[in-house]
Amino acid sequence: MEKALHLSVNGRALAVDWEDNESVLALKELVSSEPLTVQMSMYGGFEQVGSLGTDLPRNDSRTTTQAGDIVLYSGNQIVIFYGSNSWAYTRLGRITDQSTAEMKDLLGSGDVTVTLSWE
């Protein structure tokens, strides 16, 4: 079976459609030997932000995000949206199995722990 990049929030596995770019390749390499746990904090009433602890390649472009979007900010911060924002980000992926309301329920009521793994 082929390995894939996985994401969970507070232990809950989520389906993600990952981008095909240099940043996601670097993220896969980062978690290839062991999972990465990121403590995320609410910010702005529409996103969770957490430090990856390292810089990844970035190709920022001005974009408007939606609930479920996963982006790289400043090369070393992972951001998961439960609302919308316009800024320059590098797109990493999109959570595909949660509605906007479900994303807000999952991320909009306190800090969360995200785990990225290569399995």
N, C-alpha and C. Protein backbone atom coordinates (compact mmCIF):
# COMPACT_ATOMS: atom_id res chain seq x y z
N MET A 1 0.83 -1.18 0.00
CA MET A 1 0.00 0.00 0.00
C MET A 1 0.88 1.25 0.00
N GLU A 2 0.51 2.22 -0.81
CA GLU A 2 1.29 3.45 -0.95
C GLU A 2 1.08 4.35 0.26
N LYS A 3 2.18 4.96 0.71
CA LYS A 3 2.10 5.89 1.84
C LYS A 3 1.47 7.20 1.40
N ALA A 4 0.88 7.90 2.39
CA ALA A 4 0.24 9.18 2.10
C ALA A 4 0.40 10.10 3.31
N LEU A 5 0.28 11.38 3.05
CA LEU A 5 0.32 12.40 4.10
C LEU A 5 -1.04 12.48 4.76
N HIS A 6 -1.05 12.38 6.10
CA HIS A 6 -2.30 12.39 6.86
C HIS A 6 -2.30 13.56 7.84
N LEU A 7 -3.51 14.05 8.14
CA LEU A 7 -3.70 15.15 9.08
C LEU A 7 -4.82 14.79 10.03
N SER A 8 -4.58 15.03 11.32
CA SER A 8 -5.65 14.86 12.31
C SER A 8 -5.70 16.10 13.20
N VAL A 9 -6.90 16.40 13.66
CA VAL A 9 -7.13 17.52 14.58
C VAL A 9 -7.70 16.95 15.86
N ASN A 10 -6.98 17.16 16.97
CA ASN A 10 -7.38 16.60 18.26
C ASN A 10 -7.67 15.10 18.16
N GLY A 11 -6.84 14.40 17.38
CA GLY A 11 -6.97 12.96 17.24
C GLY A 11 -7.97 12.50 16.20
N ARG A 12 -8.67 13.41 15.56
CA ARG A 12 -9.69 13.08 14.56
C ARG A 12 -9.09 13.19 13.16
N ALA A 13 -8.99 12.04 12.46
CA ALA A 13 -8.43 12.02 11.11
C ALA A 13 -9.36 12.73 10.15
N LEU A 14 -8.78 13.54 9.27
CA LEU A 14 -9.55 14.28 8.28
C LEU A 14 -9.03 13.97 6.88
N ALA A 15 -9.94 13.96 5.91
CA ALA A 15 -9.56 13.73 4.52
C ALA A 15 -9.05 15.05 3.93
N VAL A 16 -7.85 14.98 3.32
CA VAL A 16 -7.24 16.18 2.75
C VAL A 16 -6.84 15.91 1.30
N ASP A 17 -7.16 16.87 0.44
CA ASP A 17 -6.68 16.87 -0.93
C ASP A 17 -5.46 17.78 -0.94
N TRP A 18 -4.26 17.16 -0.91
CA TRP A 18 -3.02 17.92 -0.82
C TRP A 18 -2.63 18.49 -2.18
N GLU A 19 -2.03 19.66 -2.19
CA GLU A 19 -1.51 20.28 -3.41
C GLU A 19 -0.28 19.50 -3.88
N ASP A 20 0.02 19.62 -5.15
CA ASP A 20 1.22 19.03 -5.73
C ASP A 20 2.22 20.16 -5.92
N ASN A 21 2.96 20.48 -4.84
CA ASN A 21 3.94 21.56 -4.94
C ASN A 21 5.15 21.27 -4.04
N GLU A 22 6.15 22.11 -4.15
CA GLU A 22 7.40 21.94 -3.42
C GLU A 22 7.21 21.98 -1.90
N SER A 23 6.27 22.80 -1.45
CA SER A 23 6.01 22.93 0.00
C SER A 23 5.45 21.63 0.57
N VAL A 24 4.51 21.01 -0.13
CA VAL A 24 3.93 19.75 0.35
C VAL A 24 4.97 18.63 0.29
N LEU A 25 5.81 18.63 -0.74
CA LEU A 25 6.89 17.64 -0.79
C LEU A 25 7.81 17.78 0.41
N ALA A 26 8.15 19.02 0.77
CA ALA A 26 9.01 19.26 1.94
C ALA A 26 8.30 18.85 3.23
N LEU A 27 6.99 19.08 3.29
CA LEU A 27 6.22 18.68 4.47
C LEU A 27 6.21 17.16 4.62
N LYS A 28 6.04 16.45 3.51
CA LYS A 28 6.09 14.98 3.53
C LYS A 28 7.45 14.50 4.04
N GLU A 29 8.51 15.13 3.57
CA GLU A 29 9.86 14.75 4.01
C GLU A 29 10.04 15.02 5.50
N LEU A 30 9.48 16.14 5.97
CA LEU A 30 9.59 16.52 7.37
C LEU A 30 8.96 15.47 8.29
N VAL A 31 7.86 14.87 7.86
CA VAL A 31 7.14 13.92 8.72
C VAL A 31 7.38 12.47 8.31
N SER A 32 8.32 12.23 7.40
CA SER A 32 8.53 10.87 6.89
C SER A 32 9.07 9.90 7.94
N SER A 33 9.85 10.39 8.89
CA SER A 33 10.43 9.48 9.88
C SER A 33 9.61 9.42 11.17
N GLU A 34 8.91 10.50 11.49
CA GLU A 34 8.03 10.49 12.66
C GLU A 34 6.98 11.58 12.52
N PRO A 35 5.78 11.35 13.11
CA PRO A 35 4.72 12.35 13.03
C PRO A 35 5.15 13.68 13.67
N LEU A 36 4.57 14.75 13.18
CA LEU A 36 4.81 16.08 13.71
C LEU A 36 3.53 16.57 14.38
N THR A 37 3.65 16.95 15.65
CA THR A 37 2.51 17.49 16.38
C THR A 37 2.68 18.99 16.48
N VAL A 38 1.63 19.72 16.10
CA VAL A 38 1.66 21.18 16.09
C VAL A 38 0.56 21.70 17.00
N GLN A 39 0.96 22.51 17.99
CA GLN A 39 -0.02 23.17 18.85
C GLN A 39 -0.52 24.41 18.11
N MET A 40 -1.82 24.46 17.87
CA MET A 40 -2.40 25.55 17.09
C MET A 40 -3.20 26.47 18.00
N SER A 41 -3.23 27.74 17.63
CA SER A 41 -3.97 28.75 18.39
C SER A 41 -4.95 29.47 17.47
N MET A 42 -6.09 29.80 18.03
CA MET A 42 -7.08 30.55 17.27
C MET A 42 -6.52 31.94 16.97
N TYR A 43 -6.87 32.45 15.78
CA TYR A 43 -6.42 33.79 15.41
C TYR A 43 -7.48 34.42 14.52
N GLY A 44 -7.87 35.63 14.85
CA GLY A 44 -8.74 36.41 14.00
C GLY A 44 -10.18 35.94 13.90
N GLY A 45 -10.55 34.90 14.61
CA GLY A 45 -11.92 34.41 14.53
C GLY A 45 -12.23 33.62 13.27
N PHE A 46 -11.18 33.23 12.50
CA PHE A 46 -11.43 32.49 11.27
C PHE A 46 -10.36 31.45 10.95
N GLU A 47 -9.33 31.30 11.83
CA GLU A 47 -8.25 30.37 11.52
C GLU A 47 -7.56 29.88 12.79
N GLN A 48 -6.87 28.74 12.61
CA GLN A 48 -5.97 28.19 13.62
C GLN A 48 -4.56 28.27 13.02
N VAL A 49 -3.60 28.72 13.83
CA VAL A 49 -2.23 28.91 13.36
C VAL A 49 -1.26 28.19 14.30
N GLY A 50 -0.25 27.52 13.73
CA GLY A 50 0.75 26.86 14.54
C GLY A 50 2.09 26.80 13.84
N SER A 51 3.16 26.80 14.63
CA SER A 51 4.52 26.77 14.10
C SER A 51 4.93 25.35 13.73
N LEU A 52 5.54 25.22 12.55
CA LEU A 52 6.08 23.93 12.12
C LEU A 52 7.46 23.67 12.72
N GLY A 53 8.09 24.70 13.25
CA GLY A 53 9.41 24.55 13.85
C GLY A 53 10.54 24.57 12.85
N THR A 54 10.22 24.78 11.59
CA THR A 54 11.22 24.85 10.53
C THR A 54 10.63 25.60 9.35
N ASP A 55 11.49 26.04 8.45
CA ASP A 55 11.02 26.73 7.25
C ASP A 55 10.84 25.73 6.11
N LEU A 56 9.75 25.90 5.37
CA LEU A 56 9.50 25.11 4.17
C LEU A 56 9.60 26.04 2.96
N PRO A 57 9.86 25.47 1.78
CA PRO A 57 9.84 26.30 0.58
C PRO A 57 8.47 26.94 0.44
N ARG A 58 8.44 28.15 -0.10
CA ARG A 58 7.16 28.81 -0.25
C ARG A 58 7.04 29.48 -1.60
N ASN A 59 5.81 29.58 -2.03
CA ASN A 59 5.48 30.24 -3.28
C ASN A 59 4.19 31.01 -3.04
N ASP A 60 4.29 32.05 -2.22
CA ASP A 60 3.11 32.80 -1.79
C ASP A 60 2.44 33.50 -2.97
N SER A 61 1.13 33.48 -2.94
CA SER A 61 0.35 34.27 -3.90
C SER A 61 -0.91 34.75 -3.19
N ARG A 62 -1.37 35.90 -3.59
CA ARG A 62 -2.56 36.50 -2.99
C ARG A 62 -3.75 35.58 -3.26
N THR A 63 -4.46 35.23 -2.22
CA THR A 63 -5.58 34.30 -2.36
C THR A 63 -6.64 34.61 -1.32
N THR A 64 -7.85 34.21 -1.59
CA THR A 64 -8.92 34.28 -0.62
C THR A 64 -9.23 32.86 -0.19
N THR A 65 -9.08 32.59 1.10
CA THR A 65 -9.26 31.25 1.62
C THR A 65 -10.73 31.01 1.98
N GLN A 66 -11.04 29.72 2.14
CA GLN A 66 -12.36 29.29 2.59
C GLN A 66 -12.18 28.28 3.71
N ALA A 67 -13.26 27.99 4.41
CA ALA A 67 -13.20 26.98 5.47
C ALA A 67 -12.69 25.66 4.89
N GLY A 68 -11.71 25.07 5.58
CA GLY A 68 -11.11 23.81 5.14
C GLY A 68 -9.79 23.98 4.43
N ASP A 69 -9.44 25.21 4.02
CA ASP A 69 -8.16 25.43 3.35
C ASP A 69 -7.01 25.31 4.35
N ILE A 70 -5.91 24.70 3.89
CA ILE A 70 -4.68 24.56 4.66
C ILE A 70 -3.59 25.29 3.89
N VAL A 71 -2.93 26.24 4.56
CA VAL A 71 -1.92 27.04 3.87
C VAL A 71 -0.66 27.15 4.73
N LEU A 72 0.40 27.59 4.07
CA LEU A 72 1.67 27.91 4.72
C LEU A 72 1.77 29.42 4.78
N TYR A 73 2.06 29.95 5.97
CA TYR A 73 2.21 31.39 6.16
C TYR A 73 3.63 31.67 6.64
N SER A 74 4.30 32.62 6.02
CA SER A 74 5.67 33.03 6.37
C SER A 74 6.67 31.88 6.30
N GLY A 75 6.34 30.82 5.59
CA GLY A 75 7.27 29.72 5.39
C GLY A 75 7.38 28.74 6.54
N ASN A 76 6.86 29.10 7.73
CA ASN A 76 7.04 28.21 8.89
C ASN A 76 5.79 28.07 9.76
N GLN A 77 4.68 28.58 9.31
CA GLN A 77 3.43 28.48 10.07
C GLN A 77 2.40 27.74 9.23
N ILE A 78 1.75 26.73 9.82
CA ILE A 78 0.65 26.08 9.13
C ILE A 78 -0.64 26.73 9.62
N VAL A 79 -1.55 26.98 8.70
CA VAL A 79 -2.80 27.64 9.02
C VAL A 79 -3.94 26.80 8.46
N ILE A 80 -4.95 26.55 9.29
CA ILE A 80 -6.16 25.85 8.85
C ILE A 80 -7.34 26.80 9.08
N PHE A 81 -8.12 27.01 8.05
CA PHE A 81 -9.21 27.98 8.11
C PHE A 81 -10.55 27.33 8.44
N TYR A 82 -11.31 28.03 9.27
CA TYR A 82 -12.71 27.68 9.47
C TYR A 82 -13.60 28.86 9.05
N GLY A 83 -12.96 29.88 8.51
CA GLY A 83 -13.63 31.04 7.94
C GLY A 83 -12.88 31.44 6.68
N SER A 84 -12.93 32.71 6.34
CA SER A 84 -12.31 33.19 5.11
C SER A 84 -11.38 34.36 5.40
N ASN A 85 -10.32 34.48 4.57
CA ASN A 85 -9.38 35.59 4.68
C ASN A 85 -8.69 35.77 3.33
N SER A 86 -8.28 36.99 3.05
CA SER A 86 -7.49 37.26 1.85
C SER A 86 -6.10 37.71 2.27
N TRP A 87 -5.08 37.00 1.75
CA TRP A 87 -3.70 37.31 2.10
C TRP A 87 -2.80 36.56 1.14
N ALA A 88 -1.49 36.72 1.28
CA ALA A 88 -0.53 35.97 0.46
C ALA A 88 -0.09 34.73 1.22
N TYR A 89 -0.45 33.56 0.70
CA TYR A 89 -0.14 32.27 1.30
C TYR A 89 0.39 31.33 0.24
N THR A 90 1.00 30.23 0.71
CA THR A 90 1.29 29.09 -0.15
C THR A 90 0.26 28.02 0.17
N ARG A 91 -0.49 27.60 -0.82
CA ARG A 91 -1.51 26.58 -0.59
C ARG A 91 -0.88 25.22 -0.34
N LEU A 92 -1.36 24.53 0.70
CA LEU A 92 -0.90 23.18 1.01
C LEU A 92 -1.96 22.14 0.68
N GLY A 93 -3.21 22.46 0.94
CA GLY A 93 -4.27 21.49 0.69
C GLY A 93 -5.61 22.00 1.14
N ARG A 94 -6.59 21.08 1.07
CA ARG A 94 -7.96 21.42 1.47
C ARG A 94 -8.60 20.21 2.14
N ILE A 95 -9.20 20.42 3.29
CA ILE A 95 -9.94 19.36 3.99
C ILE A 95 -11.25 19.15 3.22
N THR A 96 -11.50 17.90 2.82
CA THR A 96 -12.61 17.63 1.90
C THR A 96 -13.82 16.94 2.54
N ASP A 97 -13.69 16.50 3.78
CA ASP A 97 -14.80 15.75 4.37
C ASP A 97 -15.54 16.51 5.47
N GLN A 98 -15.40 17.83 5.49
CA GLN A 98 -16.07 18.65 6.51
C GLN A 98 -16.75 19.84 5.84
N SER A 99 -17.97 20.13 6.26
CA SER A 99 -18.67 21.32 5.76
C SER A 99 -18.12 22.55 6.48
N THR A 100 -18.52 23.72 6.02
CA THR A 100 -18.11 24.97 6.67
C THR A 100 -18.54 24.96 8.14
N ALA A 101 -19.77 24.54 8.42
CA ALA A 101 -20.26 24.48 9.80
C ALA A 101 -19.45 23.49 10.63
N GLU A 102 -19.11 22.35 10.04
CA GLU A 102 -18.31 21.35 10.77
C GLU A 102 -16.90 21.86 11.04
N MET A 103 -16.32 22.60 10.09
CA MET A 103 -15.00 23.18 10.31
C MET A 103 -15.04 24.19 11.46
N LYS A 104 -16.09 24.99 11.50
CA LYS A 104 -16.21 25.97 12.58
C LYS A 104 -16.38 25.26 13.93
N ASP A 105 -17.16 24.20 13.96
CA ASP A 105 -17.33 23.43 15.21
C ASP A 105 -16.00 22.82 15.65
N LEU A 106 -15.23 22.30 14.70
CA LEU A 106 -13.97 21.62 14.99
C LEU A 106 -12.89 22.59 15.45
N LEU A 107 -12.83 23.77 14.83
CA LEU A 107 -11.70 24.68 15.04
C LEU A 107 -12.04 25.99 15.74
N GLY A 108 -13.31 26.32 15.85
CA GLY A 108 -13.70 27.65 16.29
C GLY A 108 -13.99 27.85 17.75
N SER A 109 -13.65 26.88 18.60
CA SER A 109 -13.99 27.05 20.02
C SER A 109 -12.82 26.81 20.96
N GLY A 110 -11.60 27.05 20.49
CA GLY A 110 -10.43 26.90 21.36
C GLY A 110 -9.26 26.34 20.59
N ASP A 111 -8.09 26.38 21.21
CA ASP A 111 -6.88 25.89 20.58
C ASP A 111 -6.99 24.39 20.31
N VAL A 112 -6.28 23.92 19.28
CA VAL A 112 -6.32 22.51 18.90
C VAL A 112 -4.91 21.98 18.71
N THR A 113 -4.79 20.66 18.66
CA THR A 113 -3.54 19.98 18.36
C THR A 113 -3.70 19.28 17.03
N VAL A 114 -2.77 19.56 16.11
CA VAL A 114 -2.78 18.95 14.79
C VAL A 114 -1.59 18.01 14.69
N THR A 115 -1.84 16.83 14.13
CA THR A 115 -0.77 15.88 13.89
C THR A 115 -0.69 15.59 12.40
N LEU A 116 0.52 15.71 11.87
CA LEU A 116 0.81 15.37 10.48
C LEU A 116 1.67 14.13 10.48
N SER A 117 1.30 13.17 9.63
CA SER A 117 2.05 11.91 9.59
C SER A 117 2.13 11.38 8.16
N TRP A 118 3.12 10.51 7.94
CA TRP A 118 3.34 9.87 6.65
C TRP A 118 3.18 8.38 6.85
N GLU A 119 2.04 7.86 6.43
CA GLU A 119 1.72 6.44 6.66
C GLU A 119 1.24 5.79 5.39
